[in-house]
Amino acid sequence: MKRVLLKLSGEALAGAKKTGFDEATVMRVAEQVKKLTEDNIQTGIVIGGGNFWRGRTSEHIDRAKADQIGMLATVMNCIYVSEIFRSAGMMTQVLTPFECGSMTKLFSKDRANKYFAHNMVVFFAGGTGHPYFSTDTATVLRAVEIEADGILLAKAVDGVYDSDPKTNPGAKRYDEISIEEVIAQKLAVVDMTASIMCMENKMPMYVFALNEENSIIKAISGEFNGTKVTV
């Protein structure tokens, strides 16, 4: 793979604290992504906002406003992680689908490609910029737009299961499964909108646990320990 889009779970970045950031976890991610850039693998990153806010966190405010809070949570996450990456010796840029003053640049495919050409890690923050669309959908949208070779889904769980492993100790993990099967069985890899986008645009996904040692590098190198979602 020459270009990948890495989706990081906000909760996974929070580590055992569940909220905010666990800096040691973020540094481990930075060390792995740096190796990718040294191997000339262009890396885009989307980060969820669940370590600060989820769209369903409050039942007392308008859904569109709740989603806007979530978008801003992803901007905070990307700015933070971007700065950790810079401290590890990488060049980065944060792009958003809406203006954030001087803190980010406005997203365009041409701008992202220019940064990739300069070996920069590009963060895609702010989701799609619209309510009712999750960061899962934003991940697939950006992956398709930048013509990534695949999506790396770094989650709190180590792959795709036939049922929720948190509630079912006998849940079976798939080593490989087609996106059609994911949609038919309504498996919670990414949301349905994102799943259909993957199917229509033939975008493969690699699902693995972020907390496993060198999990990102393994997903690229062939020592993959997770679930490959084929197209």
Protein backbone atom coordinates (compact mmCIF):
# COMPACT_ATOMS: atom_id res chain seq x y z
CA MET A 1 0.00 0.00 0.00
CA LYS A 2 1.27 3.45 -0.96
CA ARG A 3 -1.43 5.55 0.70
CA VAL A 4 -3.65 4.64 3.64
CA LEU A 5 -6.28 6.27 5.78
CA LEU A 6 -5.94 5.45 9.48
CA LYS A 7 -9.08 5.80 11.61
CA LEU A 8 -8.32 6.14 15.30
CA SER A 9 -11.00 5.63 17.92
CA GLY A 10 -11.23 8.54 20.34
CA GLU A 11 -11.88 6.08 23.16
CA ALA A 12 -8.82 4.05 22.23
CA LEU A 13 -6.64 7.18 22.43
CA ALA A 14 -7.97 7.82 25.93
CA GLY A 15 -6.64 4.44 27.09
CA ALA A 16 -7.79 3.20 30.48
CA LYS A 17 -8.96 6.71 31.42
CA LYS A 18 -11.82 6.45 28.85
CA THR A 19 -11.92 10.24 28.47
CA GLY A 20 -9.36 12.83 27.37
CA PHE A 21 -5.96 11.61 26.17
CA ASP A 22 -3.49 8.99 27.29
CA GLU A 23 -0.23 10.53 26.06
CA ALA A 24 1.71 7.26 26.20
CA THR A 25 -0.86 5.68 23.84
CA VAL A 26 -0.65 8.62 21.44
CA MET A 27 3.16 8.46 21.47
CA ARG A 28 3.03 4.76 20.54
CA VAL A 29 0.79 5.66 17.61
CA ALA A 30 3.20 8.44 16.59
CA GLU A 31 6.19 6.07 16.62
CA GLN A 32 4.38 3.65 14.33
CA VAL A 33 3.13 6.28 11.89
CA LYS A 34 6.63 7.73 11.72
CA LYS A 35 7.88 4.36 10.47
CA LEU A 36 5.21 4.43 7.78
CA THR A 37 6.34 7.87 6.61
CA GLU A 38 9.97 6.67 6.61
CA ASP A 39 8.83 3.86 4.28
CA ASN A 40 7.18 6.47 2.03
CA ILE A 41 3.64 5.33 2.88
CA GLN A 42 1.41 8.39 2.72
CA THR A 43 -0.87 8.52 5.75
CA GLY A 44 -4.13 10.34 6.29
CA ILE A 45 -5.81 10.19 9.70
CA VAL A 46 -9.38 10.55 10.96
CA ILE A 47 -10.01 10.53 14.72
CA GLY A 48 -13.35 9.94 16.41
CA GLY A 49 -14.58 12.24 19.16
CA GLY A 50 -15.86 9.67 21.64
CA ASN A 51 -13.23 10.49 24.27
CA PHE A 52 -15.01 13.85 24.67
CA TRP A 53 -18.48 13.60 23.21
CA ARG A 54 -20.80 11.31 21.33
CA GLY A 55 -23.86 12.47 19.36
CA ARG A 56 -26.13 10.60 21.77
CA THR A 57 -24.47 11.97 24.93
CA SER A 58 -27.37 14.31 25.72
CA GLU A 59 -31.09 13.74 25.22
CA HIS A 60 -31.90 17.38 25.92
CA ILE A 61 -30.35 19.20 22.98
CA ASP A 62 -31.03 19.22 19.26
CA ARG A 63 -29.37 16.37 17.34
CA ALA A 64 -27.75 18.71 14.83
CA LYS A 65 -26.19 20.75 17.66
CA ALA A 66 -25.02 17.58 19.40
CA ASP A 67 -23.33 16.48 16.18
CA GLN A 68 -21.64 19.87 15.86
CA ILE A 69 -20.16 19.42 19.33
CA GLY A 70 -18.88 16.03 18.18
CA MET A 71 -17.28 17.61 15.10
CA LEU A 72 -15.42 20.09 17.31
CA ALA A 73 -14.29 17.22 19.56
CA THR A 74 -12.61 15.64 16.53
CA VAL A 75 -10.90 18.94 15.73
CA MET A 76 -9.47 19.07 19.27
CA ASN A 77 -8.31 15.47 18.94
CA CYS A 78 -6.61 16.07 15.62
CA ILE A 79 -4.82 19.23 16.78
CA TYR A 80 -3.56 17.41 19.88
CA VAL A 81 -2.40 14.27 18.07
CA SER A 82 -0.90 16.35 15.27
CA GLU A 83 1.27 18.19 17.80
CA ILE A 84 2.40 14.91 19.40
CA PHE A 85 3.36 13.70 15.91
CA ARG A 86 5.35 16.89 15.34
CA SER A 87 7.21 16.37 18.60
CA ALA A 88 8.16 12.91 17.26
CA GLY A 89 9.71 14.51 14.16
CA MET A 90 6.93 14.41 11.57
CA MET A 91 5.42 17.17 9.46
CA THR A 92 1.64 17.42 9.79
CA GLN A 93 -1.35 19.43 8.71
CA VAL A 94 -4.96 19.45 9.92
CA LEU A 95 -7.73 19.91 7.35
CA THR A 96 -11.38 20.62 8.16
CA PRO A 97 -14.51 20.93 5.98
CA PHE A 98 -15.30 24.27 7.64
CA GLU A 99 -13.23 27.31 8.63
CA CYS A 100 -11.51 27.17 12.05
CA GLY A 101 -9.67 30.46 11.86
CA SER A 102 -5.91 29.91 11.60
CA MET A 103 -6.00 26.62 13.52
CA THR A 104 -6.67 24.40 10.48
CA LYS A 105 -6.77 24.59 6.69
CA LEU A 106 -9.91 24.10 4.62
CA PHE A 107 -10.12 20.62 3.09
CA SER A 108 -9.70 20.03 -0.62
CA LYS A 109 -8.35 16.97 -2.43
CA ASP A 110 -5.72 19.11 -4.18
CA ARG A 111 -4.51 20.52 -0.87
CA ALA A 112 -4.33 17.05 0.71
CA ASN A 113 -2.36 15.73 -2.29
CA LYS A 114 0.06 18.65 -2.04
CA TYR A 115 0.75 17.83 1.60
CA PHE A 116 1.14 14.12 0.85
CA ALA A 117 3.68 14.99 -1.85
CA HIS A 118 5.73 16.71 0.87
CA ASN A 119 5.60 13.57 3.04
CA MET A 120 3.26 15.17 5.57
CA VAL A 121 0.77 13.28 7.72
CA VAL A 122 -2.64 14.78 6.95
CA PHE A 123 -5.39 14.87 9.60
CA PHE A 124 -8.97 15.08 8.40
CA ALA A 125 -10.90 16.67 11.28
CA GLY A 126 -14.48 17.86 11.65
CA GLY A 127 -16.16 14.82 10.11
CA THR A 128 -18.04 15.58 6.89
CA GLY A 129 -18.96 19.01 8.22
CA HIS A 130 -22.64 18.05 8.38
CA PRO A 131 -24.82 16.61 11.15
CA TYR A 132 -26.22 13.06 10.94
CA PHE A 133 -22.98 11.74 9.42
CA SER A 134 -20.56 9.89 11.69
CA THR A 135 -16.77 9.90 11.64
CA ASP A 136 -17.09 6.39 10.13
CA THR A 137 -18.75 7.97 7.10
CA ALA A 138 -16.16 10.77 7.07
CA THR A 139 -13.41 8.14 7.13
CA VAL A 140 -14.70 6.33 4.06
CA LEU A 141 -15.50 9.58 2.27
CA ARG A 142 -11.95 10.91 2.74
CA ALA A 143 -10.40 7.53 1.88
CA VAL A 144 -12.33 7.48 -1.41
CA GLU A 145 -11.55 11.14 -2.16
CA ILE A 146 -7.79 10.75 -1.62
CA GLU A 147 -7.79 7.38 -3.44
CA ALA A 148 -6.35 5.47 -0.50
CA ASP A 149 -5.38 1.82 -0.98
CA GLY A 150 -7.25 0.86 2.18
CA ILE A 151 -8.62 1.95 5.54
CA LEU A 152 -6.88 0.95 8.77
CA LEU A 153 -9.49 0.84 11.56
CA ALA A 154 -7.70 1.01 14.91
CA LYS A 155 -10.33 0.25 17.52
CA ALA A 156 -10.70 -0.81 21.14
CA VAL A 157 -11.56 -4.37 19.94
CA ASP A 158 -9.28 -6.63 17.91
CA GLY A 159 -11.45 -7.26 14.87
CA VAL A 160 -14.95 -8.00 13.59
CA TYR A 161 -17.10 -10.42 15.61
CA ASP A 162 -20.39 -12.14 14.85
CA SER A 163 -21.79 -10.60 18.05
CA ASP A 164 -20.64 -8.15 20.71
CA PRO A 165 -17.64 -9.72 22.53
CA LYS A 166 -18.31 -7.46 25.52
CA THR A 167 -21.64 -9.16 26.18
CA ASN A 168 -21.07 -12.55 24.55
CA PRO A 169 -17.91 -14.40 25.70
CA GLY A 170 -18.48 -16.94 22.91
CA ALA A 171 -18.44 -14.35 20.13
CA LYS A 172 -16.52 -15.53 17.05
CA ARG A 173 -13.94 -13.29 15.41
CA TYR A 174 -13.60 -13.28 11.65
CA ASP A 175 -10.13 -13.31 10.07
CA GLU A 176 -11.69 -12.18 6.79
CA ILE A 177 -15.21 -11.17 5.81
CA SER A 178 -16.71 -9.46 2.77
CA ILE A 179 -18.33 -6.05 3.04
CA GLU A 180 -21.50 -7.64 1.60
CA GLU A 181 -21.61 -10.04 4.58
CA VAL A 182 -20.99 -7.17 6.99
CA ILE A 183 -23.99 -5.31 5.55
CA ALA A 184 -26.22 -8.41 5.40
CA GLN A 185 -25.49 -9.34 9.03
CA LYS A 186 -25.53 -5.70 10.20
CA LEU A 187 -22.18 -6.12 11.93
CA ALA A 188 -20.98 -3.00 13.71
CA VAL A 189 -17.67 -2.51 11.87
CA VAL A 190 -18.62 0.97 10.70
CA ASP A 191 -22.13 2.38 10.38
CA MET A 192 -24.39 1.35 7.49
CA THR A 193 -23.80 4.50 5.44
CA ALA A 194 -20.03 3.97 5.62
CA SER A 195 -20.37 0.25 4.86
CA ILE A 196 -22.38 0.91 1.70
CA MET A 197 -19.85 3.55 0.60
CA CYS A 198 -17.05 0.98 1.04
CA MET A 199 -18.97 -1.55 -1.03
CA GLU A 200 -19.83 0.88 -3.83
CA ASN A 201 -16.28 2.26 -4.02
CA LYS A 202 -14.45 -1.04 -3.41
CA MET A 203 -12.57 0.28 -0.38
CA PRO A 204 -11.09 -2.52 1.79
CA MET A 205 -10.79 -2.17 5.57
CA TYR A 206 -8.39 -3.68 8.08
CA VAL A 207 -9.84 -3.81 11.60
CA PHE A 208 -7.53 -4.32 14.59
CA ALA A 209 -6.91 -3.35 18.21
CA LEU A 210 -4.93 -0.15 18.69
CA ASN A 211 -3.48 -1.35 22.01
CA GLU A 212 -1.75 -4.37 20.46
CA GLU A 213 1.99 -3.78 20.09
CA ASN A 214 2.93 -2.36 16.67
CA SER A 215 -0.62 -3.06 15.44
CA ILE A 216 -0.55 -0.31 12.79
CA ILE A 217 2.74 -1.52 11.33
CA LYS A 218 1.50 -5.12 11.36
CA ALA A 219 -1.61 -4.10 9.45
CA ILE A 220 0.64 -2.75 6.67
CA SER A 221 3.40 -5.37 6.73
CA GLY A 222 1.33 -8.54 6.41
CA GLU A 223 1.64 -9.70 10.04
CA PHE A 224 -1.92 -8.52 10.42
CA ASN A 225 -3.78 -9.72 13.50
CA GLY A 226 -7.38 -8.63 13.06
CA THR A 227 -10.11 -8.80 10.44
CA LYS A 228 -9.76 -7.93 6.78
CA VAL A 229 -13.01 -6.65 5.28
CA THR A 230 -12.79 -7.48 1.58
CA VAL A 231 -14.53 -5.87 -1.38
